Amino acid sequence: MSERTEAKRATAVAVPRILSQHRAFIGLLYIAGYVLLDWISLIEPYAPFGISPWNPGTGLSFALVLLFGRRMIPFLFVGVLLSDLVHRPLPLPWPAELSAALLIAGGYAAALFALMHPRIRFDPTLSSMRDLILLMVVAVLSAAVVASGYVALTVAAGQLPAADFVSAALRYWVGDVIGIIVVTPFALLALTRRRMLPISLETVLQLAAILAALALVLGYSDERQLQLFYVMFLPIVWMAVRSGSEGVTVGILVTQLGLIVGFILFPEEASDVTAFQALMLVLAATGLIAGELVTERRRTETQLRLQQDSLSRLARLGSMGELAAAIAHELNQPLMAAGTYTRIVNDAIVAGDADAATVAQTAGKAVAQVERAAEVVRRLRALVRLDRSNRAPVGVERIVRETLALCQPDLDSIRADARVVVAPDLPPVMVDLLQIEQALLNLARNSIEAIGATGEVGAITIEAVPGDGDFVEMRVSDTGPGFPSDLADGAFLPLSSTKTEGLGFGLPLCKSIIEAHGGRLWLGGQAHGAAVHFTLPAARAAR
């Protein structure tokens, strides 16, 4: 992999403090995490070896190399060897122990080399179903090779009977695969995406459902546990459908940790840990695929909205061009005629042979042409005035939510956060939903572009509070450079823009929309950034 590809992979990480650390520091953190996870995962180890049905350290190894590149591969060998020294003081002779560490680190390094090859085009942010399937396939195949090789090495060293090869290799394989599928997607998404599982009442209910399902499953014994395990699918599918891949990775990790804690606290209740982990493997794969399908559907819907928005802009631009041509044609004739009549009057007066009747008649014709131009303008105003027929009571939260959904890709592109503060018990507003969403979208995108121009991490805030009288006041603020003094201190400059390629239609258009609804729009001052306030009539007042 080229250095350019390595750098591109590194920039995907959304935690710059991690990226800024030296490679050795990252490696030491990994080794400490690997040793800790290996200690936590020592559940029903096979003989004196670290063959357990839950190996989260392997998932951490995958995440380390996929996020920070192949230069981190030597730390895989150190982590495996040090963990054996700490937890299982040399279960194998020194030559066999070194060979085992090389086998584990080398086997997974080779698999990761293949996965990260430029021709494979694997994205560590798991941005598509293809990337998720590639990760799963590599996990299954590489774990099979490593498990078979490690158990064969212990058999060859005389530390394990040949008759136990299949059961030991199966347990090793299940432990490594479940460790990769549970830990790696969570680590990749947590470090490459700004948002994981939103904290809400639904999130609390989802986590409570997972704990309830765990209690139900572990509350029985023997075969009933395995039969009831499928109850665990319900909260995982719920999280996948509602939160996509980000949320379901959290749910899968919580489920796995809950099982491990249950096995540790109630060892007598666990009939077969390996069988449990095999079912957990199916659960994790199902949840991840379902979550990625939901995320891809949402991504497709967002792209479709963006395309529709782009087409709408193009259509508006085309209509503006046609409208401008029509206006120019309609106004050109009367204004030219009025100019001609005015020049005739002027020439007659200058020449000194002006006849009062002729001058009055010619001036009357000029006035008629000016009135004709005025009528064209009146018809134009009637044509473009904001329609009132589609106004209806709309909740403020819906307006904000749908607007943020439209500008979410823009927020993600500059890694900006959006904060929403909606006062409780706000009345609905009587508005045309599309028009108000367009106005709010313009203001939000102005803030996003202002933050993006600074090159720094910023945030926008959309607030809604009760206003004066029967109005709701909304405020869009940002942490950008703020408005120029001539805008911040006075009225709007018509068709003026602070952007190099801006036409200046944004704020005047928003102002026109808001005022057509009976509200008002003004600029507010703050220490850092810009703020725009506007009011909308409450539905109960607009009736």
Protein backbone atom coordinates (compact mmCIF):
# COMPACT_ATOMS: atom_id res chain seq x y z
CA MET A 1 0.00 0.00 0.00
CA SER A 2 1.39 3.41 -0.97
CA GLU A 3 1.99 6.21 1.54
CA ARG A 4 -0.73 8.21 -0.19
CA THR A 5 -3.22 5.42 0.44
CA GLU A 6 -2.04 5.18 4.06
CA ALA A 7 -2.61 8.90 4.51
CA LYS A 8 -6.04 8.70 2.93
CA ARG A 9 -6.93 5.85 5.27
CA ALA A 10 -5.69 7.84 8.24
CA THR A 11 -7.75 10.89 7.40
CA ALA A 12 -10.89 8.79 7.71
CA VAL A 13 -10.41 8.63 11.45
CA ALA A 14 -12.68 11.17 13.13
CA VAL A 15 -10.60 11.51 16.29
CA PRO A 16 -7.66 13.80 15.39
CA ARG A 17 -6.01 13.44 18.80
CA ILE A 18 -5.49 9.74 18.12
CA LEU A 19 -4.01 10.47 14.71
CA SER A 20 -1.61 13.04 16.13
CA GLN A 21 -0.01 10.52 18.50
CA HIS A 22 3.23 8.76 17.65
CA ARG A 23 3.06 5.25 16.25
CA ALA A 24 4.81 3.84 19.31
CA PHE A 25 2.20 5.38 21.61
CA ILE A 26 -0.63 3.90 19.56
CA GLY A 27 1.14 0.54 19.60
CA LEU A 28 1.56 0.62 23.38
CA LEU A 29 -2.12 1.45 23.80
CA TYR A 30 -2.97 -1.51 21.57
CA ILE A 31 -0.71 -3.89 23.52
CA ALA A 32 -2.24 -2.80 26.83
CA GLY A 33 -5.73 -3.19 25.39
CA TYR A 34 -4.91 -6.59 23.91
CA VAL A 35 -3.51 -7.92 27.20
CA LEU A 36 -6.53 -6.59 29.11
CA LEU A 37 -9.04 -8.05 26.64
CA ASP A 38 -7.21 -11.39 26.66
CA TRP A 39 -7.50 -11.50 30.45
CA ILE A 40 -11.22 -10.65 30.33
CA SER A 41 -11.85 -13.31 27.69
CA LEU A 42 -10.36 -16.22 29.65
CA ILE A 43 -13.64 -18.11 29.88
CA GLU A 44 -13.50 -21.90 29.84
CA PRO A 45 -9.98 -21.99 28.37
CA TYR A 46 -9.08 -25.20 26.62
CA ALA A 47 -6.40 -26.99 28.69
CA PRO A 48 -3.59 -24.54 29.68
CA PHE A 49 -3.87 -22.68 26.37
CA GLY A 50 -5.65 -19.46 25.56
CA ILE A 51 -8.21 -21.23 23.42
CA SER A 52 -11.48 -19.68 24.50
CA PRO A 53 -14.75 -19.02 22.65
CA TRP A 54 -14.38 -15.23 22.99
CA ASN A 55 -11.22 -13.51 21.71
CA PRO A 56 -11.88 -9.74 21.48
CA GLY A 57 -8.16 -9.02 21.18
CA THR A 58 -8.24 -10.35 17.62
CA GLY A 59 -10.93 -7.82 16.73
CA LEU A 60 -8.79 -5.07 18.24
CA SER A 61 -5.86 -6.23 16.10
CA PHE A 62 -7.96 -5.96 12.94
CA ALA A 63 -9.11 -2.46 13.85
CA LEU A 64 -5.55 -1.33 14.62
CA VAL A 65 -4.14 -2.35 11.23
CA LEU A 66 -7.19 -1.27 9.21
CA LEU A 67 -7.18 2.21 10.74
CA PHE A 68 -3.47 2.91 11.17
CA GLY A 69 -1.92 0.85 8.37
CA ARG A 70 0.51 -1.99 7.92
CA ARG A 71 3.24 -0.26 9.94
CA MET A 72 1.36 -1.41 13.07
CA ILE A 73 1.66 -5.13 12.22
CA PRO A 74 4.79 -5.74 14.40
CA PHE A 75 2.73 -4.80 17.44
CA LEU A 76 0.44 -7.77 16.73
CA PHE A 77 3.34 -10.16 17.41
CA VAL A 78 4.34 -8.31 20.60
CA GLY A 79 0.75 -8.29 21.87
CA VAL A 80 0.27 -12.04 21.40
CA LEU A 81 3.61 -12.95 22.97
CA LEU A 82 3.28 -10.56 25.93
CA SER A 83 -0.26 -11.74 26.64
CA ASP A 84 0.92 -15.34 26.87
CA LEU A 85 3.73 -14.31 29.21
CA VAL A 86 1.34 -12.41 31.49
CA HIS A 87 -1.66 -14.74 31.59
CA ARG A 88 -0.33 -18.16 30.61
CA PRO A 89 3.39 -18.30 31.49
CA LEU A 90 4.76 -20.09 28.46
CA PRO A 91 2.20 -22.86 27.94
CA LEU A 92 4.43 -24.00 25.07
CA PRO A 93 8.21 -24.43 24.90
CA TRP A 94 10.06 -21.27 23.82
CA PRO A 95 10.53 -22.30 20.15
CA ALA A 96 6.90 -23.36 19.88
CA GLU A 97 5.74 -20.22 21.72
CA LEU A 98 7.60 -17.94 19.31
CA SER A 99 6.33 -19.95 16.36
CA ALA A 100 2.76 -19.68 17.66
CA ALA A 101 3.05 -15.89 18.08
CA LEU A 102 4.49 -15.58 14.57
CA LEU A 103 1.74 -17.82 13.21
CA ILE A 104 -1.06 -15.78 14.81
CA ALA A 105 0.40 -12.37 13.96
CA GLY A 106 1.59 -13.45 10.52
CA GLY A 107 -1.64 -15.19 9.59
CA TYR A 108 -3.81 -12.20 10.39
CA ALA A 109 -1.25 -9.78 8.92
CA ALA A 110 -1.38 -11.65 5.61
CA ALA A 111 -5.18 -11.56 5.65
CA LEU A 112 -5.16 -7.82 6.38
CA PHE A 113 -2.58 -7.22 3.65
CA ALA A 114 -4.92 -8.90 1.19
CA LEU A 115 -7.94 -6.96 2.48
CA MET A 116 -6.10 -3.63 2.23
CA HIS A 117 -4.77 -4.21 -1.28
CA PRO A 118 -5.66 -1.26 -3.54
CA ARG A 119 -7.43 -3.53 -6.00
CA ILE A 120 -9.80 -4.73 -3.29
CA ARG A 121 -10.83 -1.10 -2.56
CA PHE A 122 -11.84 -1.91 1.01
CA ASP A 123 -13.12 1.08 2.96
CA PRO A 124 -12.34 0.87 6.71
CA THR A 125 -15.32 3.12 7.44
CA LEU A 126 -17.58 0.23 6.30
CA SER A 127 -19.46 2.57 4.00
CA SER A 128 -21.15 -0.21 2.02
CA MET A 129 -22.46 -3.75 2.32
CA ARG A 130 -19.55 -4.88 0.16
CA ASP A 131 -17.02 -3.68 2.75
CA LEU A 132 -18.88 -5.45 5.57
CA ILE A 133 -19.06 -8.73 3.64
CA LEU A 134 -15.36 -8.51 2.76
CA LEU A 135 -14.49 -8.05 6.43
CA MET A 136 -16.64 -11.04 7.42
CA VAL A 137 -15.18 -13.30 4.73
CA VAL A 138 -11.60 -12.40 5.65
CA ALA A 139 -12.41 -12.94 9.34
CA VAL A 140 -13.87 -16.41 8.73
CA LEU A 141 -11.08 -17.61 6.43
CA SER A 142 -8.12 -16.15 8.31
CA ALA A 143 -9.45 -17.38 11.67
CA ALA A 144 -9.82 -20.89 10.21
CA VAL A 145 -6.20 -20.87 9.03
CA VAL A 146 -4.83 -19.46 12.29
CA ALA A 147 -6.95 -21.76 14.49
CA SER A 148 -5.93 -24.87 12.55
CA GLY A 149 -2.26 -23.85 12.53
CA TYR A 150 -2.14 -23.02 16.24
CA VAL A 151 -3.85 -26.24 17.34
CA ALA A 152 -1.67 -28.27 14.96
CA LEU A 153 1.40 -26.64 16.53
CA THR A 154 0.28 -27.59 20.05
CA VAL A 155 -0.37 -31.15 18.88
CA ALA A 156 3.06 -31.30 17.23
CA ALA A 157 4.66 -29.97 20.44
CA GLY A 158 3.04 -32.82 22.37
CA GLN A 159 0.91 -30.46 24.45
CA LEU A 160 -2.44 -31.57 23.09
CA PRO A 161 -3.78 -34.99 22.03
CA ALA A 162 -4.41 -35.35 18.32
CA ALA A 163 -7.95 -36.53 19.11
CA ASP A 164 -8.75 -33.06 20.49
CA PHE A 165 -7.70 -31.25 17.31
CA VAL A 166 -11.20 -30.69 15.91
CA SER A 167 -12.88 -29.51 19.13
CA ALA A 168 -9.95 -27.25 20.06
CA ALA A 169 -9.69 -25.76 16.56
CA LEU A 170 -13.46 -25.19 16.44
CA ARG A 171 -13.42 -23.35 19.77
CA TYR A 172 -10.44 -21.25 18.68
CA TRP A 173 -12.12 -20.42 15.35
CA VAL A 174 -15.43 -19.45 16.96
CA GLY A 175 -13.65 -17.28 19.52
CA ASP A 176 -11.59 -15.38 16.96
CA VAL A 177 -14.42 -14.89 14.45
CA ILE A 178 -16.85 -13.62 17.09
CA GLY A 179 -14.10 -11.36 18.46
CA ILE A 180 -13.54 -9.82 15.03
CA ILE A 181 -17.19 -9.45 14.08
CA VAL A 182 -18.18 -7.92 17.43
CA VAL A 183 -15.20 -5.65 18.16
CA THR A 184 -13.83 -4.61 14.75
CA PRO A 185 -16.99 -3.01 13.24
CA PHE A 186 -17.65 -1.18 16.50
CA ALA A 187 -14.09 0.17 16.67
CA LEU A 188 -14.04 1.15 12.98
CA LEU A 189 -17.34 3.02 13.17
CA ALA A 190 -16.60 4.60 16.54
CA LEU A 191 -13.35 6.09 15.21
CA THR A 192 -14.44 7.01 11.70
CA ARG A 193 -17.92 8.40 12.23
CA ARG A 194 -18.95 11.33 14.36
CA ARG A 195 -22.14 9.75 15.65
CA MET A 196 -22.80 6.29 17.02
CA LEU A 197 -25.93 5.56 19.04
CA PRO A 198 -27.90 8.71 19.96
CA ILE A 199 -28.82 9.01 23.62
CA SER A 200 -32.60 8.99 23.84
CA LEU A 201 -35.47 7.26 25.58
CA GLU A 202 -35.62 4.74 22.75
CA THR A 203 -31.93 3.94 23.24
CA VAL A 204 -32.51 3.28 26.93
CA LEU A 205 -35.44 1.01 26.08
CA GLN A 206 -33.35 -0.87 23.51
CA LEU A 207 -30.53 -1.50 25.99
CA ALA A 208 -33.08 -2.51 28.62
CA ALA A 209 -34.57 -4.99 26.13
CA ILE A 210 -31.13 -6.52 25.60
CA LEU A 211 -30.61 -6.94 29.34
CA ALA A 212 -34.11 -8.41 29.75
CA ALA A 213 -33.46 -10.90 26.94
CA LEU A 214 -30.14 -11.88 28.53
CA ALA A 215 -31.80 -12.41 31.89
CA LEU A 216 -34.48 -14.55 30.26
CA VAL A 217 -31.96 -16.70 28.40
CA LEU A 218 -29.53 -17.15 31.29
CA GLY A 219 -32.39 -17.77 33.70
CA TYR A 220 -32.97 -21.21 32.24
CA SER A 221 -30.62 -24.15 32.08
CA ASP A 222 -29.56 -26.83 29.65
CA GLU A 223 -31.20 -26.93 26.23
CA ARG A 224 -33.82 -24.28 27.06
CA GLN A 225 -31.10 -21.64 26.99
CA LEU A 226 -30.17 -22.40 23.41
CA GLN A 227 -33.81 -22.51 22.39
CA LEU A 228 -34.57 -19.16 24.00
CA PHE A 229 -31.43 -17.53 22.60
CA TYR A 230 -33.38 -16.40 19.54
CA VAL A 231 -35.17 -13.91 21.79
CA MET A 232 -31.89 -11.97 21.59
CA PHE A 233 -32.62 -11.22 17.93
CA LEU A 234 -35.55 -8.95 18.80
CA PRO A 235 -33.65 -6.02 20.41
CA ILE A 236 -30.80 -6.35 17.90
CA VAL A 237 -33.16 -6.16 14.92
CA TRP A 238 -34.92 -3.22 16.62
CA MET A 239 -31.62 -1.36 16.92
CA ALA A 240 -30.63 -2.21 13.36
CA VAL A 241 -33.89 -0.90 11.93
CA ARG A 242 -33.92 2.27 13.99
CA SER A 243 -30.22 3.19 14.25
CA GLY A 244 -28.53 1.50 11.30
CA SER A 245 -25.03 0.07 11.41
CA GLU A 246 -23.76 2.54 14.04
CA GLY A 247 -26.43 1.64 16.57
CA VAL A 248 -26.46 -2.10 15.97
CA THR A 249 -22.69 -2.42 16.57
CA VAL A 250 -23.25 -0.95 20.03
CA GLY A 251 -26.13 -3.37 20.64
CA ILE A 252 -24.07 -6.38 19.54
CA LEU A 253 -21.15 -5.36 21.77
CA VAL A 254 -23.46 -4.87 24.77
CA THR A 255 -25.06 -8.27 24.11
CA GLN A 256 -21.69 -10.02 23.92
CA LEU A 257 -20.42 -8.33 27.08
CA GLY A 258 -23.66 -9.24 28.83
CA LEU A 259 -23.22 -12.89 27.90
CA ILE A 260 -19.62 -12.93 29.13
CA VAL A 261 -20.58 -11.29 32.42
CA GLY A 262 -23.40 -13.80 32.80
CA PHE A 263 -21.03 -16.71 32.20
CA ILE A 264 -18.60 -15.32 34.79
CA LEU A 265 -21.22 -14.60 37.47
CA PHE A 266 -23.31 -17.72 36.90
CA PRO A 267 -20.95 -20.38 35.49
CA GLU A 268 -23.28 -23.18 36.56
CA GLU A 269 -26.07 -21.75 34.35
CA ALA A 270 -24.02 -21.89 31.11
CA SER A 271 -24.64 -25.22 29.43
CA ASP A 272 -22.22 -24.82 26.49
CA VAL A 273 -20.31 -21.57 26.04
CA THR A 274 -19.05 -22.53 22.58
CA ALA A 275 -22.60 -23.23 21.40
CA PHE A 276 -23.70 -19.90 22.82
CA GLN A 277 -20.91 -18.13 20.97
CA ALA A 278 -21.79 -19.89 17.72
CA LEU A 279 -25.34 -18.55 18.07
CA MET A 280 -23.89 -15.17 18.98
CA LEU A 281 -21.92 -15.29 15.76
CA VAL A 282 -25.12 -15.76 13.79
CA LEU A 283 -26.79 -12.97 15.76
CA ALA A 284 -23.90 -10.56 15.15
CA ALA A 285 -23.73 -11.30 11.43
CA THR A 286 -27.50 -10.89 11.08
CA GLY A 287 -27.54 -7.64 13.01
CA LEU A 288 -24.61 -6.15 11.10
CA ILE A 289 -26.11 -7.00 7.72
CA ALA A 290 -29.51 -5.63 8.72
CA GLY A 291 -27.93 -2.46 10.12
CA GLU A 292 -25.86 -1.90 6.98
CA LEU A 293 -28.95 -2.38 4.81
CA VAL A 294 -30.76 0.31 6.80
CA THR A 295 -27.75 2.64 6.63
CA GLU A 296 -27.43 2.13 2.87
CA ARG A 297 -31.13 2.82 2.43
CA ARG A 298 -30.84 6.05 4.39
CA ARG A 299 -27.73 7.01 2.44
CA THR A 300 -29.56 6.37 -0.81
CA GLU A 301 -32.51 8.46 0.37
CA THR A 302 -30.14 11.29 1.30
CA GLN A 303 -28.43 11.13 -2.09
CA LEU A 304 -31.83 11.11 -3.77
CA ARG A 305 -32.85 14.19 -1.80
CA LEU A 306 -29.61 15.90 -2.75
CA GLN A 307 -30.16 15.03 -6.41
CA GLN A 308 -33.72 16.30 -6.22
CA ASP A 309 -32.46 19.46 -4.57
CA SER A 310 -29.86 19.87 -7.33
CA LEU A 311 -32.47 19.30 -10.01
CA SER A 312 -34.75 21.77 -8.28
CA ARG A 313 -31.96 24.34 -8.27
CA LEU A 314 -31.26 23.73 -11.95
CA ALA A 315 -34.96 24.04 -12.70
CA ARG A 316 -35.11 27.29 -10.77
CA LEU A 317 -32.07 28.60 -12.59
CA GLY A 318 -33.63 27.63 -15.90
CA SER A 319 -36.88 29.28 -14.91
CA MET A 320 -34.98 32.37 -13.79
CA GLY A 321 -33.28 32.53 -17.17
CA GLU A 322 -36.56 32.22 -19.01
CA LEU A 323 -38.16 34.72 -16.63
CA ALA A 324 -35.30 37.18 -17.11
CA ALA A 325 -35.61 36.89 -20.89
CA ALA A 326 -39.37 37.42 -20.70
CA ILE A 327 -38.96 40.44 -18.39
CA ALA A 328 -36.30 41.94 -20.63
CA HIS A 329 -38.53 41.48 -23.67
CA GLU A 330 -41.66 42.83 -21.99
CA LEU A 331 -39.93 45.85 -20.44
CA ASN A 332 -37.64 46.64 -23.34
CA GLN A 333 -40.38 47.69 -25.75
CA PRO A 334 -42.31 50.14 -23.53
CA LEU A 335 -39.16 51.63 -22.04
CA MET A 336 -37.57 52.12 -25.44
CA ALA A 337 -40.80 53.69 -26.72
CA ALA A 338 -41.00 55.95 -23.67
CA GLY A 339 -37.39 56.97 -24.24
CA THR A 340 -38.06 57.73 -27.87
CA TYR A 341 -41.10 59.92 -27.06
CA THR A 342 -39.14 61.70 -24.33
CA ARG A 343 -36.28 62.49 -26.72
CA ILE A 344 -38.76 63.86 -29.27
CA VAL A 345 -40.16 66.21 -26.64
CA ASN A 346 -36.67 67.21 -25.53
CA ASP A 347 -35.49 67.85 -29.10
CA ALA A 348 -38.58 69.96 -29.84
CA ILE A 349 -38.06 72.06 -26.72
CA VAL A 350 -34.34 72.52 -27.46
CA ALA A 351 -35.06 73.49 -31.09
CA GLY A 352 -37.56 76.11 -29.91
CA ASP A 353 -40.33 74.98 -32.27
CA ALA A 354 -42.28 73.00 -29.71
CA ASP A 355 -46.02 72.99 -30.26
CA ALA A 356 -47.90 72.64 -26.98
CA ALA A 357 -50.45 70.22 -28.38
CA THR A 358 -47.79 68.06 -30.04
CA VAL A 359 -45.59 68.04 -26.93
CA ALA A 360 -48.56 67.11 -24.73
CA GLN A 361 -49.58 64.34 -27.10
CA THR A 362 -46.02 62.95 -27.27
CA ALA A 363 -45.57 63.20 -23.52
CA GLY A 364 -48.86 61.38 -23.06
CA LYS A 365 -47.57 58.56 -25.21
CA ALA A 366 -44.40 58.38 -23.07
CA VAL A 367 -46.52 58.21 -19.92
CA ALA A 368 -48.61 55.42 -21.43
CA GLN A 369 -45.47 53.38 -22.16
CA VAL A 370 -44.17 53.90 -18.61
CA GLU A 371 -47.53 52.74 -17.26
CA ARG A 372 -47.29 49.71 -19.50
CA ALA A 373 -43.87 48.89 -17.99
CA ALA A 374 -45.32 49.35 -14.51
CA GLU A 375 -48.11 46.91 -15.37
CA VAL A 376 -45.50 44.37 -16.45
CA VAL A 377 -43.84 44.74 -13.04
CA ARG A 378 -47.19 44.36 -11.26
CA ARG A 379 -47.92 41.19 -13.21
CA LEU A 380 -44.47 39.88 -12.31
CA ARG A 381 -45.07 40.52 -8.61
CA ALA A 382 -48.38 38.70 -8.83
CA LEU A 383 -46.64 35.83 -10.56
CA VAL A 384 -43.88 35.31 -8.02
CA ARG A 385 -45.75 36.17 -4.81
CA LEU A 386 -45.66 33.40 -2.24
CA ASP A 387 -48.73 31.20 -2.38
CA ARG A 388 -50.80 30.95 0.80
CA SER A 389 -52.97 28.00 -0.20
CA ASN A 390 -50.62 25.29 1.15
CA ARG A 391 -50.28 26.62 4.68
CA ALA A 392 -51.19 24.28 7.51
CA PRO A 393 -50.26 23.69 11.17
CA VAL A 394 -46.80 22.07 11.32
CA GLY A 395 -44.75 21.07 14.36
CA VAL A 396 -41.49 22.97 14.79
CA GLU A 397 -39.60 19.76 15.57
CA ARG A 398 -40.66 18.31 12.22
CA ILE A 399 -39.41 21.38 10.36
CA VAL A 400 -36.04 21.24 12.11
CA ARG A 401 -35.69 17.45 11.77
CA GLU A 402 -36.44 17.35 8.05
CA THR A 403 -34.19 20.34 7.35
CA LEU A 404 -31.26 18.80 9.23
CA ALA A 405 -31.75 15.55 7.29
CA LEU A 406 -31.31 17.52 4.07
CA CYS A 407 -28.12 19.25 5.18
CA GLN A 408 -26.61 16.29 7.10
CA PRO A 409 -24.22 15.39 4.23
CA ASP A 410 -22.94 18.98 4.24
CA LEU A 411 -22.41 18.78 8.02
CA ASP A 412 -20.55 15.49 7.67
CA SER A 413 -18.37 16.85 4.87
CA ILE A 414 -16.88 19.50 7.19
CA ARG A 415 -17.25 17.38 10.35
CA ALA A 416 -19.53 19.89 12.00
CA ASP A 417 -22.07 19.14 14.69
CA ALA A 418 -25.69 20.28 14.74
CA ARG A 419 -27.32 21.11 18.07
CA VAL A 420 -31.10 21.39 18.34
CA VAL A 421 -32.85 23.12 21.24
CA VAL A 422 -36.65 23.11 21.01
CA ALA A 423 -38.57 24.44 23.97
CA PRO A 424 -41.21 22.04 25.33
CA ASP A 425 -44.89 22.57 24.60
CA LEU A 426 -44.29 24.80 21.58
CA PRO A 427 -47.47 25.25 19.53
CA PRO A 428 -47.44 24.26 15.86
CA VAL A 429 -46.84 27.06 13.37
CA MET A 430 -49.11 27.95 10.45
CA VAL A 431 -46.74 27.76 7.48
CA ASP A 432 -46.13 26.32 4.06
CA LEU A 433 -43.80 23.49 5.08
CA LEU A 434 -41.71 23.49 1.90
CA GLN A 435 -41.21 27.26 1.93
CA ILE A 436 -40.14 27.39 5.59
CA GLU A 437 -37.88 24.36 5.16
CA GLN A 438 -36.27 26.12 2.20
CA ALA A 439 -35.69 29.25 4.29
CA LEU A 440 -34.27 27.29 7.23
CA LEU A 441 -32.17 25.20 4.84
CA ASN A 442 -30.69 28.35 3.31
CA LEU A 443 -29.76 29.70 6.73
CA ALA A 444 -28.27 26.36 7.86
CA ARG A 445 -26.22 26.02 4.68
CA ASN A 446 -24.98 29.59 5.06
CA SER A 447 -23.71 28.61 8.52
CA ILE A 448 -22.16 25.37 7.23
CA GLU A 449 -20.36 27.21 4.42
CA ALA A 450 -19.12 29.84 6.86
CA ILE A 451 -17.71 27.17 9.19
CA GLY A 452 -16.22 25.25 6.28
CA ALA A 453 -14.41 28.37 5.05
CA THR A 454 -12.54 28.60 8.37
CA GLY A 455 -11.16 25.07 8.07
CA GLU A 456 -11.86 24.46 11.75
CA VAL A 457 -14.23 22.12 13.56
CA GLY A 458 -17.44 24.02 14.31
CA ALA A 459 -21.09 23.63 15.11
CA ILE A 460 -24.44 25.13 14.25
CA THR A 461 -27.32 25.51 16.67
CA ILE A 462 -31.01 25.66 15.79
CA GLU A 463 -33.21 26.90 18.62
CA ALA A 464 -36.97 27.36 18.88
CA VAL A 465 -38.60 29.20 21.78
CA PRO A 466 -41.90 31.02 22.42
CA GLY A 467 -41.78 34.49 20.89
CA ASP A 468 -43.64 37.70 21.57
CA GLY A 469 -47.39 37.40 21.32
CA ASP A 470 -48.64 34.45 19.28
CA PHE A 471 -45.36 33.79 17.54
CA VAL A 472 -42.62 31.18 17.74
CA GLU A 473 -39.07 32.50 17.50
CA MET A 474 -36.36 30.44 15.82
CA ARG A 475 -32.64 31.11 15.84
CA VAL A 476 -29.86 29.69 13.64
CA SER A 477 -26.37 30.38 15.00
CA ASP A 478 -22.91 29.08 14.19
CA THR A 479 -19.29 29.27 15.31
CA GLY A 480 -18.07 30.72 12.03
CA PRO A 481 -16.49 34.11 11.37
CA GLY A 482 -19.77 36.03 11.72
CA PHE A 483 -21.38 38.70 9.56
CA PRO A 484 -19.54 41.73 8.21
CA SER A 485 -20.13 44.87 10.25
CA ASP A 486 -22.24 46.51 7.53
CA LEU A 487 -24.66 43.56 7.64
CA ALA A 488 -24.57 43.01 11.39
CA ASP A 489 -25.22 46.66 12.22
CA GLY A 490 -27.88 47.52 9.67
CA ALA A 491 -30.50 46.24 7.31
CA PHE A 492 -29.90 43.62 4.67
CA LEU A 493 -27.98 44.69 1.62
CA PRO A 494 -30.14 43.68 -1.33
CA LEU A 495 -28.53 41.04 -3.51
CA SER A 496 -25.26 41.20 -1.59
CA SER A 497 -23.14 38.21 -0.62
CA THR A 498 -20.10 37.59 1.56
CA LYS A 499 -19.20 34.55 -0.57
CA THR A 500 -16.95 34.94 -3.58
CA GLU A 501 -19.34 33.17 -5.91
CA GLY A 502 -22.56 34.10 -4.11
CA LEU A 503 -25.36 35.94 -5.84
CA GLY A 504 -26.78 37.40 -2.64
CA PHE A 505 -30.25 35.89 -3.04
CA GLY A 506 -30.10 33.83 0.20
CA LEU A 507 -30.94 36.26 3.00
CA PRO A 508 -33.35 38.40 0.94
CA LEU A 509 -35.21 35.26 -0.14
CA CYS A 510 -35.43 34.01 3.45
CA LYS A 511 -36.60 37.45 4.56
CA SER A 512 -39.30 37.49 1.86
CA ILE A 513 -40.56 34.02 2.81
CA ILE A 514 -40.69 34.83 6.52
CA GLU A 515 -42.40 38.19 6.02
CA ALA A 516 -44.93 36.64 3.63
CA HIS A 517 -45.89 34.35 6.53
CA GLY A 518 -46.43 37.35 8.81
CA GLY A 519 -43.15 37.00 10.69
CA ARG A 520 -39.95 38.96 10.64
CA LEU A 521 -36.27 38.14 10.23
CA TRP A 522 -33.27 39.92 11.73
CA LEU A 523 -29.59 39.42 12.44
CA GLY A 524 -28.45 38.91 16.01
CA GLY A 525 -25.10 39.57 17.57
CA GLN A 526 -22.96 37.12 19.52
CA ALA A 527 -19.35 36.94 20.66
CA HIS A 528 -18.33 34.30 18.13
CA GLY A 529 -20.07 33.44 14.89
CA ALA A 530 -23.28 34.59 13.29
CA ALA A 531 -26.91 34.36 14.35
CA VAL A 532 -30.14 34.85 12.42
CA HIS A 533 -33.51 35.14 14.19
CA PHE A 534 -36.95 34.86 12.66
CA THR A 535 -40.51 34.48 13.90
CA LEU A 536 -43.43 32.43 12.63
CA PRO A 537 -47.09 32.71 13.59
CA ALA A 538 -48.47 30.06 15.89
CA ALA A 539 -51.24 28.00 14.32
CA ARG A 540 -53.79 29.08 16.89
CA ALA A 541 -53.10 32.75 16.05
CA ALA A 542 -53.15 32.33 12.28
CA ARG A 543 -56.63 30.88 12.07
